[in-house]
Structures are given as C-alpha cells and as structure tokens.
Amino acid sequence: MLSVQNFLKLISDESRLRILMLLTETSLCVCELEGILNLSQPKVSKVLSKFRDLGLVTDHRKGKFIYYELHLTDPIQKSMIESLKGHIKDLPQLYSDYQRLALKDQFSTSCCNNIEKKGD
C-alpha cells in the first residue's frame, strides 16, 4: 500500500494530478487523455503505467483500446482525492481540462472515438 506521504508526492506532479482528476469522472484511454490534456502519448502512458503498478487504476480492453479507470481502495486516498477535487476543480488548468473532457470527441487525437465512429 502506498503511504500517505508517497501518495502526496505522486500527485504533486501537475500531469499526474490532472490525469487523476479526469479519471475521477470517467474511464479514459491514453489517446483521449493525450488529446484532452495536450500531453504526449509516452508521458500519458508512463503515468498510467505507474498508477496501474501502484494499484490506483485498473484497465479494461474495448476493441483495440485500453481504458483506464480510477480504483482507489484505500479510504484515506479516496477521501483525500474527493476533498482535493472539491477544492481545486475551479483552478484554471483543471477547469479547462474538465471542459475539454466534456468535449472529448473533439480533442481526441487519432484514436478510439474516431475509429469507433467510422465503424458505425
């Protein structure tokens, strides 16, 4: 289990915090996060891999794509994230992230949403 101190160190990085906050809303694939956050695919993948290794997210396959969802089992971590979310959701960067999440089909790169639409 991740200590409180190590958990706080983990989320002290802006990219990791932004990804974690979006995953509190819905499950997302790498390319959706890449498009919403305007981060590189390797950066997003590295963060998600770290989260998965620490047991903070689970993943499931949908077609060719792997979706990640938050999986906090530690009640302290859950409480910290919920409290943090309530206090920082209106910060300009996170506010922008949430707006882009609502429009994720427009910000996704060449990924799942675009490919799934072609198959319709």
PDB file of N, CA and C in Angstrom:
ATOM      1  N   MET A   1       0.845  -1.184   0.000  1.00  0.00           N
ATOM      2  CA  MET A   1       0.000   0.000   0.000  1.00  0.00           C
ATOM      3  C   MET A   1       0.885   1.241   0.000  1.00  0.00           C
ATOM      4  N   LEU A   2       0.452   2.234  -0.707  1.00  0.00           N
ATOM      5  CA  LEU A   2       1.162   3.493  -0.836  1.00  0.00           C
ATOM      6  C   LEU A   2       0.952   4.322   0.423  1.00  0.00           C
ATOM      7  N   SER A   3       2.046   4.787   1.041  1.00  0.00           N
ATOM      8  CA  SER A   3       1.915   5.620   2.236  1.00  0.00           C
ATOM      9  C   SER A   3       1.302   6.964   1.853  1.00  0.00           C
ATOM     10  N   VAL A   4       0.754   7.648   2.826  1.00  0.00           N
ATOM     11  CA  VAL A   4       0.167   8.968   2.584  1.00  0.00           C
ATOM     12  C   VAL A   4       1.223   9.901   2.010  1.00  0.00           C
ATOM     13  N   GLN A   5       2.413   9.864   2.568  1.00  0.00           N
ATOM     14  CA  GLN A   5       3.490  10.726   2.088  1.00  0.00           C
ATOM     15  C   GLN A   5       3.818  10.437   0.626  1.00  0.00           C
ATOM     16  N   ASN A   6       3.934   9.159   0.275  1.00  0.00           N
ATOM     17  CA  ASN A   6       4.245   8.806  -1.116  1.00  0.00           C
ATOM     18  C   ASN A   6       3.080   9.126  -2.054  1.00  0.00           C
ATOM     19  N   PHE A   7       1.860   8.984  -1.565  1.00  0.00           N
ATOM     20  CA  PHE A   7       0.693   9.338  -2.368  1.00  0.00           C
ATOM     21  C   PHE A   7       0.699  10.838  -2.670  1.00  0.00           C
ATOM     22  N   LEU A   8       1.008  11.640  -1.671  1.00  0.00           N
ATOM     23  CA  LEU A   8       1.063  13.083  -1.874  1.00  0.00           C
ATOM     24  C   LEU A   8       2.196  13.464  -2.826  1.00  0.00           C
ATOM     25  N   LYS A   9       3.322  12.785  -2.737  1.00  0.00           N
ATOM     26  CA  LYS A   9       4.417  13.022  -3.684  1.00  0.00           C
ATOM     27  C   LYS A   9       3.966  12.668  -5.095  1.00  0.00           C
ATOM     28  N   LEU A  10       3.249  11.575  -5.216  1.00  0.00           N
ATOM     29  CA  LEU A  10       2.782  11.118  -6.525  1.00  0.00           C
ATOM     30  C   LEU A  10       1.892  12.164  -7.188  1.00  0.00           C
ATOM     31  N   ILE A  11       0.968  12.720  -6.445  1.00  0.00           N
ATOM     32  CA  ILE A  11       0.030  13.669  -7.045  1.00  0.00           C
ATOM     33  C   ILE A  11       0.543  15.102  -7.021  1.00  0.00           C
ATOM     34  N   SER A  12       1.773  15.306  -6.545  1.00  0.00           N
ATOM     35  CA  SER A  12       2.334  16.659  -6.554  1.00  0.00           C
ATOM     36  C   SER A  12       2.777  17.076  -7.954  1.00  0.00           C
ATOM     37  N   ASP A  13       2.911  16.122  -8.854  1.00  0.00           N
ATOM     38  CA  ASP A  13       3.247  16.421 -10.245  1.00  0.00           C
ATOM     39  C   ASP A  13       1.977  16.851 -10.979  1.00  0.00           C
ATOM     40  N   GLU A  14       2.048  17.955 -11.701  1.00  0.00           N
ATOM     41  CA  GLU A  14       0.858  18.510 -12.355  1.00  0.00           C
ATOM     42  C   GLU A  14       0.213  17.539 -13.346  1.00  0.00           C
ATOM     43  N   SER A  15       1.014  16.879 -14.157  1.00  0.00           N
ATOM     44  CA  SER A  15       0.455  15.959 -15.158  1.00  0.00           C
ATOM     45  C   SER A  15      -0.246  14.781 -14.479  1.00  0.00           C
ATOM     46  N   ARG A  16       0.384  14.237 -13.452  1.00  0.00           N
ATOM     47  CA  ARG A  16      -0.233  13.107 -12.747  1.00  0.00           C
ATOM     48  C   ARG A  16      -1.524  13.543 -12.069  1.00  0.00           C
ATOM     49  N   LEU A  17      -1.508  14.729 -11.474  1.00  0.00           N
ATOM     50  CA  LEU A  17      -2.716  15.237 -10.817  1.00  0.00           C
ATOM     51  C   LEU A  17      -3.833  15.451 -11.833  1.00  0.00           C
ATOM     52  N   ARG A  18      -3.518  16.047 -12.971  1.00  0.00           N
ATOM     53  CA  ARG A  18      -4.533  16.300 -13.999  1.00  0.00           C
ATOM     54  C   ARG A  18      -5.148  14.988 -14.502  1.00  0.00           C
ATOM     55  N   ILE A  19      -4.303  13.995 -14.736  1.00  0.00           N
ATOM     56  CA  ILE A  19      -4.809  12.694 -15.191  1.00  0.00           C
ATOM     57  C   ILE A  19      -5.689  12.070 -14.126  1.00  0.00           C
ATOM     58  N   LEU A  20      -5.228  12.100 -12.897  1.00  0.00           N
ATOM     59  CA  LEU A  20      -6.001  11.522 -11.797  1.00  0.00           C
ATOM     60  C   LEU A  20      -7.359  12.197 -11.654  1.00  0.00           C
ATOM     61  N   MET A  21      -7.385  13.516 -11.764  1.00  0.00           N
ATOM     62  CA  MET A  21      -8.648  14.251 -11.626  1.00  0.00           C
ATOM     63  C   MET A  21      -9.628  13.888 -12.741  1.00  0.00           C
ATOM     64  N   LEU A  22      -9.142  13.733 -13.963  1.00  0.00           N
ATOM     65  CA  LEU A  22     -10.041  13.337 -15.054  1.00  0.00           C
ATOM     66  C   LEU A  22     -10.567  11.921 -14.847  1.00  0.00           C
ATOM     67  N   LEU A  23      -9.737  11.060 -14.300  1.00  0.00           N
ATOM     68  CA  LEU A  23     -10.176   9.678 -14.071  1.00  0.00           C
ATOM     69  C   LEU A  23     -11.184   9.578 -12.928  1.00  0.00           C
ATOM     70  N   THR A  24     -11.339  10.644 -12.140  1.00  0.00           N
ATOM     71  CA  THR A  24     -12.403  10.628 -11.132  1.00  0.00           C
ATOM     72  C   THR A  24     -13.765  10.784 -11.791  1.00  0.00           C
ATOM     73  N   GLU A  25     -13.767  11.250 -13.045  1.00  0.00           N
ATOM     74  CA  GLU A  25     -15.014  11.495 -13.768  1.00  0.00           C
ATOM     75  C   GLU A  25     -15.464  10.307 -14.612  1.00  0.00           C
ATOM     76  N   THR A  26     -14.528   9.646 -15.271  1.00  0.00           N
ATOM     77  CA  THR A  26     -14.886   8.584 -16.204  1.00  0.00           C
ATOM     78  C   THR A  26     -13.652   7.769 -16.561  1.00  0.00           C
ATOM     79  N   SER A  27     -13.861   6.627 -17.180  1.00  0.00           N
ATOM     80  CA  SER A  27     -12.714   5.872 -17.680  1.00  0.00           C
ATOM     81  C   SER A  27     -12.304   6.462 -19.032  1.00  0.00           C
ATOM     82  N   LEU A  28     -11.002   6.484 -19.280  1.00  0.00           N
ATOM     83  CA  LEU A  28     -10.468   7.096 -20.494  1.00  0.00           C
ATOM     84  C   LEU A  28      -9.321   6.260 -21.031  1.00  0.00           C
ATOM     85  N   CYS A  29      -9.109   6.342 -22.333  1.00  0.00           N
ATOM     86  CA  CYS A  29      -7.958   5.664 -22.929  1.00  0.00           C
ATOM     87  C   CYS A  29      -6.813   6.670 -23.073  1.00  0.00           C
ATOM     88  N   VAL A  30      -5.647   6.165 -23.392  1.00  0.00           N
ATOM     89  CA  VAL A  30      -4.460   7.009 -23.497  1.00  0.00           C
ATOM     90  C   VAL A  30      -4.674   8.142 -24.488  1.00  0.00           C
ATOM     91  N   CYS A  31      -5.210   7.816 -25.655  1.00  0.00           N
ATOM     92  CA  CYS A  31      -5.336   8.857 -26.681  1.00  0.00           C
ATOM     93  C   CYS A  31      -6.362   9.924 -26.295  1.00  0.00           C
ATOM     94  N   GLU A  32      -7.376   9.565 -25.531  1.00  0.00           N
ATOM     95  CA  GLU A  32      -8.325  10.585 -25.062  1.00  0.00           C
ATOM     96  C   GLU A  32      -7.627  11.528 -24.089  1.00  0.00           C
ATOM     97  N   LEU A  33      -6.871  10.956 -23.154  1.00  0.00           N
ATOM     98  CA  LEU A  33      -6.128  11.789 -22.208  1.00  0.00           C
ATOM     99  C   LEU A  33      -5.112  12.667 -22.931  1.00  0.00           C
ATOM    100  N   GLU A  34      -4.454  12.095 -23.913  1.00  0.00           N
ATOM    101  CA  GLU A  34      -3.475  12.822 -24.712  1.00  0.00           C
ATOM    102  C   GLU A  34      -4.126  14.046 -25.370  1.00  0.00           C
ATOM    103  N   GLY A  35      -5.294  13.850 -25.956  1.00  0.00           N
ATOM    104  CA  GLY A  35      -5.993  14.945 -26.626  1.00  0.00           C
ATOM    105  C   GLY A  35      -6.547  15.979 -25.665  1.00  0.00           C
ATOM    106  N   ILE A  36      -7.136  15.525 -24.586  1.00  0.00           N
ATOM    107  CA  ILE A  36      -7.734  16.441 -23.623  1.00  0.00           C
ATOM    108  C   ILE A  36      -6.674  17.289 -22.932  1.00  0.00           C
ATOM    109  N   LEU A  37      -5.592  16.653 -22.532  1.00  0.00           N
ATOM    110  CA  LEU A  37      -4.565  17.339 -21.743  1.00  0.00           C
ATOM    111  C   LEU A  37      -3.448  17.949 -22.579  1.00  0.00           C
ATOM    112  N   ASN A  38      -3.441  17.630 -23.867  1.00  0.00           N
ATOM    113  CA  ASN A  38      -2.382  18.099 -24.755  1.00  0.00           C
ATOM    114  C   ASN A  38      -1.004  17.667 -24.241  1.00  0.00           C
ATOM    115  N   LEU A  39      -0.929  16.399 -23.855  1.00  0.00           N
ATOM    116  CA  LEU A  39       0.323  15.794 -23.406  1.00  0.00           C
ATOM    117  C   LEU A  39       0.732  14.746 -24.429  1.00  0.00           C
ATOM    118  N   SER A  40       1.995  14.377 -24.415  1.00  0.00           N
ATOM    119  CA  SER A  40       2.472  13.365 -25.352  1.00  0.00           C
ATOM    120  C   SER A  40       1.986  11.973 -24.930  1.00  0.00           C
ATOM    121  N   GLN A  41       1.847  11.096 -25.908  1.00  0.00           N
ATOM    122  CA  GLN A  41       1.420   9.726 -25.637  1.00  0.00           C
ATOM    123  C   GLN A  41       2.380   9.017 -24.677  1.00  0.00           C
ATOM    124  N   PRO A  42       3.706   9.140 -24.864  1.00  0.00           N
ATOM    125  CA  PRO A  42       4.608   8.475 -23.910  1.00  0.00           C
ATOM    126  C   PRO A  42       4.442   8.981 -22.475  1.00  0.00           C
ATOM    127  N   LYS A  43       4.214  10.277 -22.306  1.00  0.00           N
ATOM    128  CA  LYS A  43       4.023  10.850 -20.968  1.00  0.00           C
ATOM    129  C   LYS A  43       2.772  10.272 -20.313  1.00  0.00           C
ATOM    130  N   VAL A  44       1.669  10.258 -21.051  1.00  0.00           N
ATOM    131  CA  VAL A  44       0.405   9.746 -20.514  1.00  0.00           C
ATOM    132  C   VAL A  44       0.549   8.255 -20.190  1.00  0.00           C
ATOM    133  N   SER A  45       1.139   7.506 -21.096  1.00  0.00           N
ATOM    134  CA  SER A  45       1.317   6.067 -20.881  1.00  0.00           C
ATOM    135  C   SER A  45       2.176   5.781 -19.659  1.00  0.00           C
ATOM    136  N   LYS A  46       3.222   6.568 -19.482  1.00  0.00           N
ATOM    137  CA  LYS A  46       4.109   6.377 -18.335  1.00  0.00           C
ATOM    138  C   LYS A  46       3.360   6.621 -17.027  1.00  0.00           C
ATOM    139  N   VAL A  47       2.573   7.681 -16.983  1.00  0.00           N
ATOM    140  CA  VAL A  47       1.798   7.998 -15.780  1.00  0.00           C
ATOM    141  C   VAL A  47       0.792   6.882 -15.492  1.00  0.00           C
ATOM    142  N   LEU A  48       0.063   6.450 -16.512  1.00  0.00           N
ATOM    143  CA  LEU A  48      -0.934   5.396 -16.315  1.00  0.00           C
ATOM    144  C   LEU A  48      -0.290   4.082 -15.893  1.00  0.00           C
ATOM    145  N   SER A  49       0.862   3.777 -16.439  1.00  0.00           N
ATOM    146  CA  SER A  49       1.583   2.573 -16.051  1.00  0.00           C
ATOM    147  C   SER A  49       1.977   2.637 -14.575  1.00  0.00           C
ATOM    148  N   LYS A  50       2.448   3.786 -14.153  1.00  0.00           N
ATOM    149  CA  LYS A  50       2.811   3.978 -12.743  1.00  0.00           C
ATOM    150  C   LYS A  50       1.578   3.826 -11.857  1.00  0.00           C
ATOM    151  N   PHE A  51       0.471   4.462 -12.252  1.00  0.00           N
ATOM    152  CA  PHE A  51      -0.773   4.346 -11.495  1.00  0.00           C
ATOM    153  C   PHE A  51      -1.223   2.884 -11.402  1.00  0.00           C
ATOM    154  N   ARG A  52      -1.134   2.171 -12.520  1.00  0.00           N
ATOM    155  CA  ARG A  52      -1.550   0.767 -12.538  1.00  0.00           C
ATOM    156  C   ARG A  52      -0.656  -0.074 -11.629  1.00  0.00           C
ATOM    157  N   ASP A  53       0.649   0.139 -11.714  1.00  0.00           N
ATOM    158  CA  ASP A  53       1.592  -0.603 -10.876  1.00  0.00           C
ATOM    159  C   ASP A  53       1.345  -0.364  -9.388  1.00  0.00           C
ATOM    160  N   LEU A  54       0.871   0.826  -9.051  1.00  0.00           N
ATOM    161  CA  LEU A  54       0.588   1.166  -7.656  1.00  0.00           C
ATOM    162  C   LEU A  54      -0.836   0.790  -7.237  1.00  0.00           C
ATOM    163  N   GLY A  55      -1.618   0.252  -8.167  1.00  0.00           N
ATOM    164  CA  GLY A  55      -2.974  -0.175  -7.852  1.00  0.00           C
ATOM    165  C   GLY A  55      -3.989   0.954  -7.791  1.00  0.00           C
ATOM    166  N   LEU A  56      -3.658   2.111  -8.360  1.00  0.00           N
ATOM    167  CA  LEU A  56      -4.578   3.253  -8.324  1.00  0.00           C
ATOM    168  C   LEU A  56      -5.587   3.230  -9.462  1.00  0.00           C
ATOM    169  N   VAL A  57      -5.261   2.524 -10.541  1.00  0.00           N
ATOM    170  CA  VAL A  57      -6.181   2.391 -11.663  1.00  0.00           C
ATOM    171  C   VAL A  57      -6.248   0.931 -12.091  1.00  0.00           C
ATOM    172  N   THR A  58      -7.350   0.611 -12.717  1.00  0.00           N
ATOM    173  CA  THR A  58      -7.486  -0.680 -13.394  1.00  0.00           C
ATOM    174  C   THR A  58      -7.697  -0.372 -14.867  1.00  0.00           C
ATOM    175  N   ASP A  59      -7.506  -1.390 -15.687  1.00  0.00           N
ATOM    176  CA  ASP A  59      -7.718  -1.177 -17.111  1.00  0.00           C
ATOM    177  C   ASP A  59      -8.577  -2.289 -17.686  1.00  0.00           C
ATOM    178  N   HIS A  60      -9.242  -1.969 -18.761  1.00  0.00           N
ATOM    179  CA  HIS A  60     -10.031  -2.964 -19.480  1.00  0.00           C
ATOM    180  C   HIS A  60      -9.960  -2.638 -20.971  1.00  0.00           C
ATOM    181  N   ARG A  61      -9.992  -3.675 -21.752  1.00  0.00           N
ATOM    182  CA  ARG A  61      -9.883  -3.530 -23.195  1.00  0.00           C
ATOM    183  C   ARG A  61     -11.276  -3.351 -23.800  1.00  0.00           C
ATOM    184  N   LYS A  62     -11.348  -2.419 -24.732  1.00  0.00           N
ATOM    185  CA  LYS A  62     -12.567  -2.206 -25.519  1.00  0.00           C
ATOM    186  C   LYS A  62     -12.108  -2.135 -26.967  1.00  0.00           C
ATOM    187  N   GLY A  63     -12.268  -3.210 -27.692  1.00  0.00           N
ATOM    188  CA  GLY A  63     -11.738  -3.276 -29.044  1.00  0.00           C
ATOM    189  C   GLY A  63     -10.231  -3.261 -29.003  1.00  0.00           C
ATOM    190  N   LYS A  64      -9.636  -2.345 -29.742  1.00  0.00           N
ATOM    191  CA  LYS A  64      -8.182  -2.226 -29.798  1.00  0.00           C
ATOM    192  C   LYS A  64      -7.617  -1.362 -28.671  1.00  0.00           C
ATOM    193  N   PHE A  65      -8.464  -0.740 -27.894  1.00  0.00           N
ATOM    194  CA  PHE A  65      -8.016   0.271 -26.944  1.00  0.00           C
ATOM    195  C   PHE A  65      -8.177  -0.183 -25.507  1.00  0.00           C
ATOM    196  N   ILE A  66      -7.283   0.311 -24.669  1.00  0.00           N
ATOM    197  CA  ILE A  66      -7.314   0.004 -23.243  1.00  0.00           C
ATOM    198  C   ILE A  66      -7.785   1.256 -22.514  1.00  0.00           C
ATOM    199  N   TYR A  67      -8.833   1.087 -21.738  1.00  0.00           N
ATOM    200  CA  TYR A  67      -9.390   2.177 -20.956  1.00  0.00           C
ATOM    201  C   TYR A  67      -8.964   2.024 -19.504  1.00  0.00           C
ATOM    202  N   TYR A  68      -8.675   3.144 -18.890  1.00  0.00           N
ATOM    203  CA  TYR A  68      -8.220   3.173 -17.501  1.00  0.00           C
ATOM    204  C   TYR A  68      -9.287   3.835 -16.646  1.00  0.00           C
ATOM    205  N   GLU A  69      -9.475   3.268 -15.464  1.00  0.00           N
ATOM    206  CA  GLU A  69     -10.411   3.880 -14.533  1.00  0.00           C
ATOM    207  C   GLU A  69      -9.814   3.879 -13.140  1.00  0.00           C
ATOM    208  N   LEU A  70     -10.183   4.878 -12.369  1.00  0.00           N
ATOM    209  CA  LEU A  70      -9.675   5.036 -11.022  1.00  0.00           C
ATOM    210  C   LEU A  70     -10.142   3.871 -10.162  1.00  0.00           C
ATOM    211  N   HIS A  71      -9.234   3.369  -9.365  1.00  0.00           N
ATOM    212  CA  HIS A  71      -9.542   2.226  -8.495  1.00  0.00           C
ATOM    213  C   HIS A  71      -8.858   2.448  -7.150  1.00  0.00           C
ATOM    214  N   LEU A  72      -9.391   3.373  -6.375  1.00  0.00           N
ATOM    215  CA  LEU A  72      -8.815   3.668  -5.067  1.00  0.00           C
ATOM    216  C   LEU A  72      -9.461   2.771  -4.024  1.00  0.00           C
ATOM    217  N   THR A  73      -8.671   1.911  -3.421  1.00  0.00           N
ATOM    218  CA  THR A  73      -9.191   1.007  -2.399  1.00  0.00           C
ATOM    219  C   THR A  73      -8.901   1.513  -0.994  1.00  0.00           C
ATOM    220  N   ASP A  74      -7.932   2.379  -0.873  1.00  0.00           N
ATOM    221  CA  ASP A  74      -7.567   2.930   0.423  1.00  0.00           C
ATOM    222  C   ASP A  74      -8.529   4.062   0.766  1.00  0.00           C
ATOM    223  N   PRO A  75      -9.249   3.962   1.891  1.00  0.00           N
ATOM    224  CA  PRO A  75     -10.214   5.009   2.242  1.00  0.00           C
ATOM    225  C   PRO A  75      -9.576   6.378   2.451  1.00  0.00           C
ATOM    226  N   ILE A  76      -8.335   6.404   2.898  1.00  0.00           N
ATOM    227  CA  ILE A  76      -7.651   7.687   3.088  1.00  0.00           C
ATOM    228  C   ILE A  76      -7.388   8.337   1.736  1.00  0.00           C
ATOM    229  N   GLN A  77      -6.930   7.546   0.773  1.00  0.00           N
ATOM    230  CA  GLN A  77      -6.690   8.084  -0.568  1.00  0.00           C
ATOM    231  C   GLN A  77      -7.986   8.569  -1.196  1.00  0.00           C
ATOM    232  N   LYS A  78      -9.050   7.790  -1.055  1.00  0.00           N
ATOM    233  CA  LYS A  78     -10.356   8.204  -1.599  1.00  0.00           C
ATOM    234  C   LYS A  78     -10.780   9.538  -1.013  1.00  0.00           C
ATOM    235  N   SER A  79     -10.672   9.656   0.296  1.00  0.00           N
ATOM    236  CA  SER A  79     -11.077  10.873   0.975  1.00  0.00           C
ATOM    237  C   SER A  79     -10.222  12.054   0.548  1.00  0.00           C
ATOM    238  N   MET A  80      -8.927  11.839   0.416  1.00  0.00           N
ATOM    239  CA  MET A  80      -8.019  12.905   0.002  1.00  0.00           C
ATOM    240  C   MET A  80      -8.351  13.388  -1.405  1.00  0.00           C
ATOM    241  N   ILE A  81      -8.606  12.455  -2.316  1.00  0.00           N
ATOM    242  CA  ILE A  81      -8.911  12.830  -3.698  1.00  0.00           C
ATOM    243  C   ILE A  81     -10.237  13.580  -3.776  1.00  0.00           C
ATOM    244  N   GLU A  82     -11.249  13.093  -3.080  1.00  0.00           N
ATOM    245  CA  GLU A  82     -12.545  13.780  -3.104  1.00  0.00           C
ATOM    246  C   GLU A  82     -12.438  15.185  -2.524  1.00  0.00           C
ATOM    247  N   SER A  83     -11.714  15.316  -1.423  1.00  0.00           N
ATOM    248  CA  SER A  83     -11.536  16.625  -0.814  1.00  0.00           C
ATOM    249  C   SER A  83     -10.741  17.549  -1.736  1.00  0.00           C
ATOM    250  N   LEU A  84      -9.666  17.028  -2.273  1.00  0.00           N
ATOM    251  CA  LEU A  84      -8.827  17.800  -3.180  1.00  0.00           C
ATOM    252  C   LEU A  84      -9.617  18.244  -4.406  1.00  0.00           C
ATOM    253  N   LYS A  85     -10.398  17.333  -4.941  1.00  0.00           N
ATOM    254  CA  LYS A  85     -11.198  17.640  -6.132  1.00  0.00           C
ATOM    255  C   LYS A  85     -12.146  18.807  -5.864  1.00  0.00           C
ATOM    256  N   GLY A  86     -12.762  18.801  -4.723  1.00  0.00           N
ATOM    257  CA  GLY A  86     -13.683  19.882  -4.371  1.00  0.00           C
ATOM    258  C   GLY A  86     -13.010  21.231  -4.242  1.00  0.00           C
ATOM    259  N   HIS A  87     -11.741  21.221  -3.861  1.00  0.00           N
ATOM    260  CA  HIS A  87     -11.018  22.474  -3.642  1.00  0.00           C
ATOM    261  C   HIS A  87     -10.303  23.001  -4.878  1.00  0.00           C
ATOM    262  N   ILE A  88      -9.956  22.127  -5.813  1.00  0.00           N
ATOM    263  CA  ILE A  88      -9.137  22.593  -6.941  1.00  0.00           C
ATOM    264  C   ILE A  88      -9.849  22.550  -8.292  1.00  0.00           C
ATOM    265  N   LYS A  89     -11.075  22.089  -8.318  1.00  0.00           N
ATOM    266  CA  LYS A  89     -11.756  21.913  -9.606  1.00  0.00           C
ATOM    267  C   LYS A  89     -11.909  23.208 -10.397  1.00  0.00           C
ATOM    268  N   ASP A  90     -11.893  24.338  -9.727  1.00  0.00           N
ATOM    269  CA  ASP A  90     -12.073  25.612 -10.424  1.00  0.00           C
ATOM    270  C   ASP A  90     -10.761  26.314 -10.763  1.00  0.00           C
ATOM    271  N   LEU A  91      -9.633  25.672 -10.474  1.00  0.00           N
ATOM    272  CA  LEU A  91      -8.364  26.255 -10.910  1.00  0.00           C
ATOM    273  C   LEU A  91      -8.350  26.283 -12.432  1.00  0.00           C
ATOM    274  N   PRO A  92      -7.778  27.319 -13.027  1.00  0.00           N
ATOM    275  CA  PRO A  92      -7.878  27.486 -14.477  1.00  0.00           C
ATOM    276  C   PRO A  92      -7.502  26.247 -15.294  1.00  0.00           C
ATOM    277  N   GLN A  93      -6.394  25.599 -14.987  1.00  0.00           N
ATOM    278  CA  GLN A  93      -5.973  24.445 -15.788  1.00  0.00           C
ATOM    279  C   GLN A  93      -6.944  23.283 -15.648  1.00  0.00           C
ATOM    280  N   LEU A  94      -7.358  22.984 -14.428  1.00  0.00           N
ATOM    281  CA  LEU A  94      -8.287  21.875 -14.229  1.00  0.00           C
ATOM    282  C   LEU A  94      -9.671  22.200 -14.780  1.00  0.00           C
ATOM    283  N   TYR A  95     -10.085  23.435 -14.644  1.00  0.00           N
ATOM    284  CA  TYR A  95     -11.368  23.851 -15.211  1.00  0.00           C
ATOM    285  C   TYR A  95     -11.362  23.624 -16.722  1.00  0.00           C
ATOM    286  N   SER A  96     -10.267  24.006 -17.354  1.00  0.00           N
ATOM    287  CA  SER A  96     -10.109  23.794 -18.791  1.00  0.00           C
ATOM    288  C   SER A  96     -10.115  22.299 -19.132  1.00  0.00           C
ATOM    289  N   ASP A  97      -9.441  21.501 -18.312  1.00  0.00           N
ATOM    290  CA  ASP A  97      -9.419  20.049 -18.535  1.00  0.00           C
ATOM    291  C   ASP A  97     -10.831  19.466 -18.485  1.00  0.00           C
ATOM    292  N   TYR A  98     -11.614  19.893 -17.499  1.00  0.00           N
ATOM    293  CA  TYR A  98     -12.984  19.377 -17.376  1.00  0.00           C
ATOM    294  C   TYR A  98     -13.849  19.812 -18.557  1.00  0.00           C
ATOM    295  N   GLN A  99     -13.629  21.036 -19.029  1.00  0.00           N
ATOM    296  CA  GLN A  99     -14.380  21.492 -20.203  1.00  0.00           C
ATOM    297  C   GLN A  99     -14.015  20.651 -21.425  1.00  0.00           C
ATOM    298  N   ARG A 100     -12.739  20.389 -21.589  1.00  0.00           N
ATOM    299  CA  ARG A 100     -12.285  19.580 -22.728  1.00  0.00           C
ATOM    300  C   ARG A 100     -12.759  18.132 -22.580  1.00  0.00           C
ATOM    301  N   LEU A 101     -12.870  17.655 -21.358  1.00  0.00           N
ATOM    302  CA  LEU A 101     -13.396  16.306 -21.134  1.00  0.00           C
ATOM    303  C   LEU A 101     -14.830  16.217 -21.646  1.00  0.00           C
ATOM    304  N   ALA A 102     -15.601  17.243 -21.382  1.00  0.00           N
ATOM    305  CA  ALA A 102     -16.995  17.250 -21.836  1.00  0.00           C
ATOM    306  C   ALA A 102     -17.080  17.208 -23.358  1.00  0.00           C
ATOM    307  N   LEU A 103     -16.041  17.681 -24.018  1.00  0.00           N
ATOM    308  CA  LEU A 103     -15.992  17.708 -25.484  1.00  0.00           C
ATOM    309  C   LEU A 103     -14.916  16.758 -26.003  1.00  0.00           C
ATOM    310  N   LYS A 104     -14.683  15.669 -25.291  1.00  0.00           N
ATOM    311  CA  LYS A 104     -13.515  14.824 -25.583  1.00  0.00           C
ATOM    312  C   LYS A 104     -13.477  14.297 -27.012  1.00  0.00           C
ATOM    313  N   ASP A 105     -14.604  14.105 -27.645  1.00  0.00           N
ATOM    314  CA  ASP A 105     -14.593  13.618 -29.028  1.00  0.00           C
ATOM    315  C   ASP A 105     -13.877  14.605 -29.949  1.00  0.00           C
ATOM    316  N   GLN A 106     -13.969  15.878 -29.635  1.00  0.00           N
ATOM    317  CA  GLN A 106     -13.326  16.895 -30.460  1.00  0.00           C
ATOM    318  C   GLN A 106     -11.826  16.996 -30.197  1.00  0.00           C
ATOM    319  N   PHE A 107     -11.397  16.582 -28.988  1.00  0.00           N
ATOM    320  CA  PHE A 107     -10.000  16.742 -28.622  1.00  0.00           C
ATOM    321  C   PHE A 107      -9.214  15.442 -28.689  1.00  0.00           C
ATOM    322  N   SER A 108      -9.873  14.342 -28.915  1.00  0.00           N
ATOM    323  CA  SER A 108      -9.160  13.083 -29.044  1.00  0.00           C
ATOM    324  C   SER A 108      -8.337  13.124 -30.312  1.00  0.00           C
ATOM    325  N   THR A 109      -7.171  12.550 -30.239  1.00  0.00           N
ATOM    326  CA  THR A 109      -6.294  12.552 -31.408  1.00  0.00           C
ATOM    327  C   THR A 109      -6.817  11.537 -32.408  1.00  0.00           C
ATOM    328  N   SER A 110      -6.010  10.661 -32.866  1.00  0.00           N
ATOM    329  CA  SER A 110      -6.423   9.719 -33.917  1.00  0.00           C
ATOM    330  C   SER A 110      -6.934   8.416 -33.330  1.00  0.00           C
ATOM    331  N   CYS A 111      -7.663   8.487 -32.276  1.00  0.00           N
ATOM    332  CA  CYS A 111      -7.891   7.256 -31.533  1.00  0.00           C
ATOM    333  C   CYS A 111      -9.296   6.707 -31.582  1.00  0.00           C
ATOM    334  N   CYS A 112      -9.597   6.059 -30.513  1.00  0.00           N
ATOM    335  CA  CYS A 112     -10.778   5.230 -30.341  1.00  0.00           C
ATOM    336  C   CYS A 112     -12.085   5.874 -30.784  1.00  0.00           C
ATOM    337  N   ASN A 113     -12.343   7.098 -30.373  1.00  0.00           N
ATOM    338  CA  ASN A 113     -13.602   7.734 -30.748  1.00  0.00           C
ATOM    339  C   ASN A 113     -13.728   7.868 -32.255  1.00  0.00           C
ATOM    340  N   ASN A 114     -12.659   8.295 -32.890  1.00  0.00           N
ATOM    341  CA  ASN A 114     -12.686   8.483 -34.336  1.00  0.00           C
ATOM    342  C   ASN A 114     -12.809   7.143 -35.061  1.00  0.00           C
ATOM    343  N   ILE A 115     -12.112   6.134 -34.588  1.00  0.00           N
ATOM    344  CA  ILE A 115     -12.168   4.816 -35.223  1.00  0.00           C
ATOM    345  C   ILE A 115     -13.523   4.167 -34.993  1.00  0.00           C
ATOM    346  N   GLU A 116     -14.060   4.290 -33.770  1.00  0.00           N
ATOM    347  CA  GLU A 116     -15.365   3.704 -33.486  1.00  0.00           C
ATOM    348  C   GLU A 116     -16.446   4.347 -34.344  1.00  0.00           C
ATOM    349  N   LYS A 117     -16.354   5.650 -34.586  1.00  0.00           N
ATOM    350  CA  LYS A 117     -17.352   6.337 -35.404  1.00  0.00           C
ATOM    351  C   LYS A 117     -17.327   5.839 -36.845  1.00  0.00           C
ATOM    352  N   LYS A 118     -16.131   5.531 -37.339  1.00  0.00           N
ATOM    353  CA  LYS A 118     -16.016   5.033 -38.709  1.00  0.00           C
ATOM    354  C   LYS A 118     -16.714   3.693 -38.860  1.00  0.00           C
ATOM    355  N   GLY A 119     -16.725   2.907 -37.773  1.00  0.00           N
ATOM    356  CA  GLY A 119     -17.336   1.584 -37.824  1.00  0.00           C
ATOM    357  C   GLY A 119     -18.840   1.612 -37.696  1.00  0.00           C
ATOM    358  N   ASP A 120     -19.420   2.764 -37.339  1.00  0.00           N
ATOM    359  CA  ASP A 120     -20.880   2.868 -37.164  1.00  0.00           C
ATOM    360  C   ASP A 120     -21.614   2.719 -38.474  1.00  0.00           C
TER     361      ASP A 120
END
